[in-house]
Structures are given as C-alpha cells and as structure tokens.
Amino acid sequence: MNIKLSQLFELLGAAAVVMSLIFVGYELRLNREIAVDETLNSAAELSTSILELIGGNSSVWMRGCVGDELTDEEEMRFSTLVRAYDRHFFFRYNRANSILISVRPETWATNVARQRRLYPGLNERWLQIFEQQERAGGPYYVAVNQAYDEIKSAYTPDSFGPELCGMAGI
C-alpha cells in the first residue's frame, strides 16, 4: 500500500507542476497581450500628436514639403515638424523590430521613403537631419535610404498635392 500511496503522491506532484506551468504560460500570454495593447495605444497617441502638430502648422508644412521658400521662423517650424515626423517613424520602425508588433519594419521605412520621393522639400530637410545626426549606420536610416533608392522611379513628385505630405502611415 505504501508503494501505491507514494505513486499517488508522485502523480499529484507531477500534476501540480503541470498546472503551475500552464498557469505561468497563461500569465505570460496575458502580459504579452497587455504589452501589445500598451504599445499600440502609445503609437496611436504619438500619431495623433504628430497629426495635431502638423495640422496646427499646415501652411508651413505644405509649403515646406513642396520646397517653397520659407521665412527663417517658418524654416525653424518646418525643421521641428520634420524632426517630429522622423522620430515618429524611427520609433515605429524600432517597435516593429521588437517581438511585440507584427508589422514588418520595412513598412515604416518605405512610408518615409515614398514621402521623401514625392515631396522634395521634405526630402531635403530629412537629408539635413540625417546628416546632422550622423546616423548613417543606423538600421532605420539605412532601410529608409535603401527603400528610397528602390522606389525613385516609381513615384514622381507631381503625383500628389501638398495636402497629403507626410500623411502616409501616420
């Protein structure tokens, strides 16, 4: 009888271990879902902030995107807008490289590359920021430049009006 009782306890112990592992797996899955939701909410808030920033400076943004001449003050505002736009996609690209997001990082790099190709003023300012920050070796900037080289002939700057500048992918 002792042998049967010890086997029963071993079986109960093994079952307890299995149940514990199932519970830990469930908790990990739940925590991952929460992290994904928080990341998506953060991305949505960032997108809204960028759109509000651009919307509040729409005249400068549209004129800057197409390469119109801007006053010194407008140049400063446009540079700030382009930096915010760049940061938005930089963070999205990096999030896409994490295990939490299922969107491929190249999607975000391609969005920026298309906008650069369509809008010469945006492209010029983006290149200035890129050079100032000396990020030539960073994966995001390399990916954007590669995508830009691939789509150069696919998009002509006259394809879209300035009101759509920067709106792809935000």
Protein backbone atom coordinates (compact mmCIF):
# COMPACT_ATOMS: atom_id res chain seq x y z
CA MET A 1 0.00 0.00 0.00
CA ASN A 2 2.92 2.37 0.70
CA ILE A 3 4.09 1.95 -2.87
CA LYS A 4 0.69 2.84 -4.25
CA LEU A 5 0.38 5.81 -1.90
CA SER A 6 3.83 7.12 -2.90
CA GLN A 7 2.96 6.71 -6.55
CA LEU A 8 -0.23 8.67 -5.97
CA PHE A 9 1.74 11.50 -4.33
CA GLU A 10 4.22 11.49 -7.21
CA LEU A 11 1.37 11.68 -9.67
CA LEU A 12 -0.24 14.54 -7.72
CA GLY A 13 3.13 16.35 -7.57
CA ALA A 14 3.61 15.97 -11.32
CA ALA A 15 0.06 17.22 -11.94
CA ALA A 16 0.75 20.23 -9.71
CA VAL A 17 3.91 21.02 -11.71
CA VAL A 18 2.00 20.76 -14.99
CA MET A 19 -0.78 23.00 -13.66
CA SER A 20 1.80 25.53 -12.47
CA LEU A 21 3.41 25.59 -15.93
CA ILE A 22 0.02 26.08 -17.57
CA PHE A 23 -0.69 28.97 -15.21
CA VAL A 24 2.71 30.58 -15.91
CA GLY A 25 2.11 30.21 -19.66
CA TYR A 26 -1.30 31.84 -19.31
CA GLU A 27 0.20 34.72 -17.30
CA LEU A 28 2.95 35.23 -19.88
CA ARG A 29 0.40 35.33 -22.69
CA LEU A 30 -1.76 37.78 -20.77
CA ASN A 31 1.23 40.03 -20.02
CA ARG A 32 2.24 39.97 -23.69
CA GLU A 33 -1.28 40.98 -24.76
CA ILE A 34 -1.20 43.85 -22.27
CA ALA A 35 2.21 44.97 -23.57
CA VAL A 36 0.96 44.86 -27.17
CA ASP A 37 -2.13 46.90 -26.25
CA GLU A 38 0.01 49.47 -24.43
CA THR A 39 2.38 49.69 -27.40
CA LEU A 40 -0.48 50.17 -29.85
CA ASN A 41 -2.08 52.81 -27.63
CA SER A 42 1.24 54.61 -27.36
CA ALA A 43 1.64 54.52 -31.16
CA ALA A 44 -1.89 55.86 -31.62
CA GLU A 45 -1.20 58.72 -29.18
CA LEU A 46 2.04 59.54 -30.98
CA SER A 47 0.26 59.52 -34.35
CA THR A 48 -2.42 61.85 -33.00
CA SER A 49 0.22 64.20 -31.59
CA ILE A 50 2.08 64.33 -34.91
CA LEU A 51 -1.13 65.00 -36.84
CA GLU A 52 -2.11 67.77 -34.42
CA LEU A 53 1.35 69.31 -34.68
CA ILE A 54 1.26 69.22 -38.49
CA GLY A 55 -2.38 70.39 -38.57
CA GLY A 56 -1.55 73.35 -36.36
CA ASN A 57 1.21 74.36 -38.77
CA SER A 58 -0.39 73.15 -42.01
CA SER A 59 0.58 76.12 -44.15
CA VAL A 60 4.26 75.84 -43.21
CA TRP A 61 4.14 72.06 -43.52
CA MET A 62 2.59 72.03 -47.01
CA ARG A 63 4.83 74.79 -48.33
CA GLY A 64 7.91 73.20 -46.80
CA CYS A 65 7.06 69.78 -48.21
CA VAL A 66 6.96 71.02 -51.78
CA GLY A 67 10.11 73.07 -51.32
CA ASP A 68 8.62 76.58 -51.34
CA GLU A 69 10.71 79.34 -49.83
CA LEU A 70 10.08 79.82 -46.11
CA THR A 71 10.96 82.64 -43.75
CA ASP A 72 13.55 81.94 -41.05
CA GLU A 73 10.81 81.38 -38.49
CA GLU A 74 8.94 79.06 -40.85
CA GLU A 75 12.18 77.18 -41.59
CA MET A 76 12.60 76.56 -37.88
CA ARG A 77 8.99 75.34 -37.53
CA PHE A 78 9.30 73.13 -40.61
CA SER A 79 12.54 71.62 -39.30
CA THR A 80 10.84 70.88 -35.99
CA LEU A 81 7.92 69.26 -37.78
CA VAL A 82 10.21 67.10 -39.92
CA ARG A 83 12.15 66.03 -36.83
CA ALA A 84 8.92 65.03 -35.09
CA TYR A 85 7.80 63.20 -38.24
CA ASP A 86 11.15 61.42 -38.43
CA ARG A 87 11.07 60.45 -34.73
CA HIS A 88 7.57 59.04 -35.21
CA PHE A 89 8.72 56.65 -37.91
CA PHE A 90 12.01 55.94 -36.17
CA PHE A 91 10.11 54.73 -33.09
CA ARG A 92 7.61 52.78 -35.18
CA TYR A 93 10.46 51.11 -37.06
CA ASN A 94 12.12 50.14 -33.78
CA ARG A 95 8.85 48.87 -32.31
CA ALA A 96 8.34 46.75 -35.42
CA ASN A 97 11.74 45.18 -34.76
CA SER A 98 10.53 44.08 -31.33
CA ILE A 99 8.69 40.82 -30.86
CA LEU A 100 5.51 42.65 -29.87
CA ILE A 101 4.46 44.08 -33.23
CA SER A 102 3.66 42.02 -36.29
CA VAL A 103 4.24 44.83 -38.81
CA ARG A 104 7.49 44.46 -40.73
CA PRO A 105 9.99 47.27 -40.00
CA GLU A 106 10.48 47.87 -43.73
CA THR A 107 6.86 49.07 -43.91
CA TRP A 108 7.72 52.16 -41.90
CA ALA A 109 10.97 52.78 -43.79
CA THR A 110 9.11 52.53 -47.10
CA ASN A 111 6.47 55.02 -45.92
CA VAL A 112 9.17 57.59 -45.21
CA ALA A 113 10.98 56.83 -48.48
CA ARG A 114 7.77 57.36 -50.51
CA GLN A 115 7.11 60.67 -48.82
CA ARG A 116 10.70 61.76 -49.44
CA ARG A 117 10.33 60.90 -53.12
CA LEU A 118 7.02 62.69 -53.52
CA TYR A 119 7.94 65.86 -51.65
CA PRO A 120 11.31 67.45 -52.45
CA GLY A 121 11.21 69.88 -49.52
CA LEU A 122 10.58 67.05 -47.07
CA ASN A 123 13.37 65.03 -48.68
CA GLU A 124 15.84 67.92 -48.46
CA ARG A 125 15.07 68.56 -44.80
CA TRP A 126 15.14 64.85 -43.94
CA LEU A 127 18.59 64.58 -45.52
CA GLN A 128 19.80 67.57 -43.47
CA ILE A 129 18.55 65.96 -40.26
CA PHE A 130 20.08 62.66 -41.29
CA GLU A 131 23.47 64.28 -41.89
CA GLN A 132 23.33 66.37 -38.71
CA GLN A 133 22.56 63.39 -36.55
CA GLU A 134 25.26 61.29 -38.19
CA ARG A 135 23.08 58.22 -38.11
CA ALA A 136 24.25 56.83 -41.43
CA GLY A 137 24.92 53.46 -39.85
CA GLY A 138 21.61 53.16 -38.01
CA PRO A 139 19.32 50.41 -39.33
CA TYR A 140 16.29 52.72 -39.69
CA TYR A 141 18.15 55.27 -41.78
CA VAL A 142 19.83 52.59 -43.87
CA ALA A 143 16.41 50.98 -44.50
CA VAL A 144 14.84 54.33 -45.48
CA ASN A 145 17.67 55.11 -47.89
CA GLN A 146 17.51 51.61 -49.41
CA ALA A 147 13.75 51.91 -49.89
CA TYR A 148 14.22 55.38 -51.38
CA ASP A 149 16.74 54.03 -53.90
CA GLU A 150 14.33 51.22 -54.84
CA ILE A 151 11.31 53.49 -55.45
CA LYS A 152 13.00 56.51 -57.07
CA SER A 153 11.47 55.83 -60.47
CA ALA A 154 8.10 54.59 -59.18
CA TYR A 155 6.88 57.89 -57.75
CA THR A 156 7.12 61.31 -59.32
CA PRO A 157 6.86 64.46 -57.21
CA ASP A 158 3.83 65.65 -59.20
CA SER A 159 1.79 62.59 -58.22
CA PHE A 160 0.11 64.10 -55.15
CA GLY A 161 -0.74 67.51 -53.77
CA PRO A 162 0.98 69.03 -50.74
CA GLU A 163 -2.04 68.38 -48.52
CA LEU A 164 -1.08 64.70 -48.36
CA CYS A 165 2.57 65.29 -47.45
CA GLY A 166 3.64 63.06 -44.61
CA MET A 167 0.23 61.51 -44.08
CA ALA A 168 1.09 58.00 -45.29
CA GLY A 169 1.50 55.63 -42.41
CA ILE A 170 0.88 58.05 -39.55
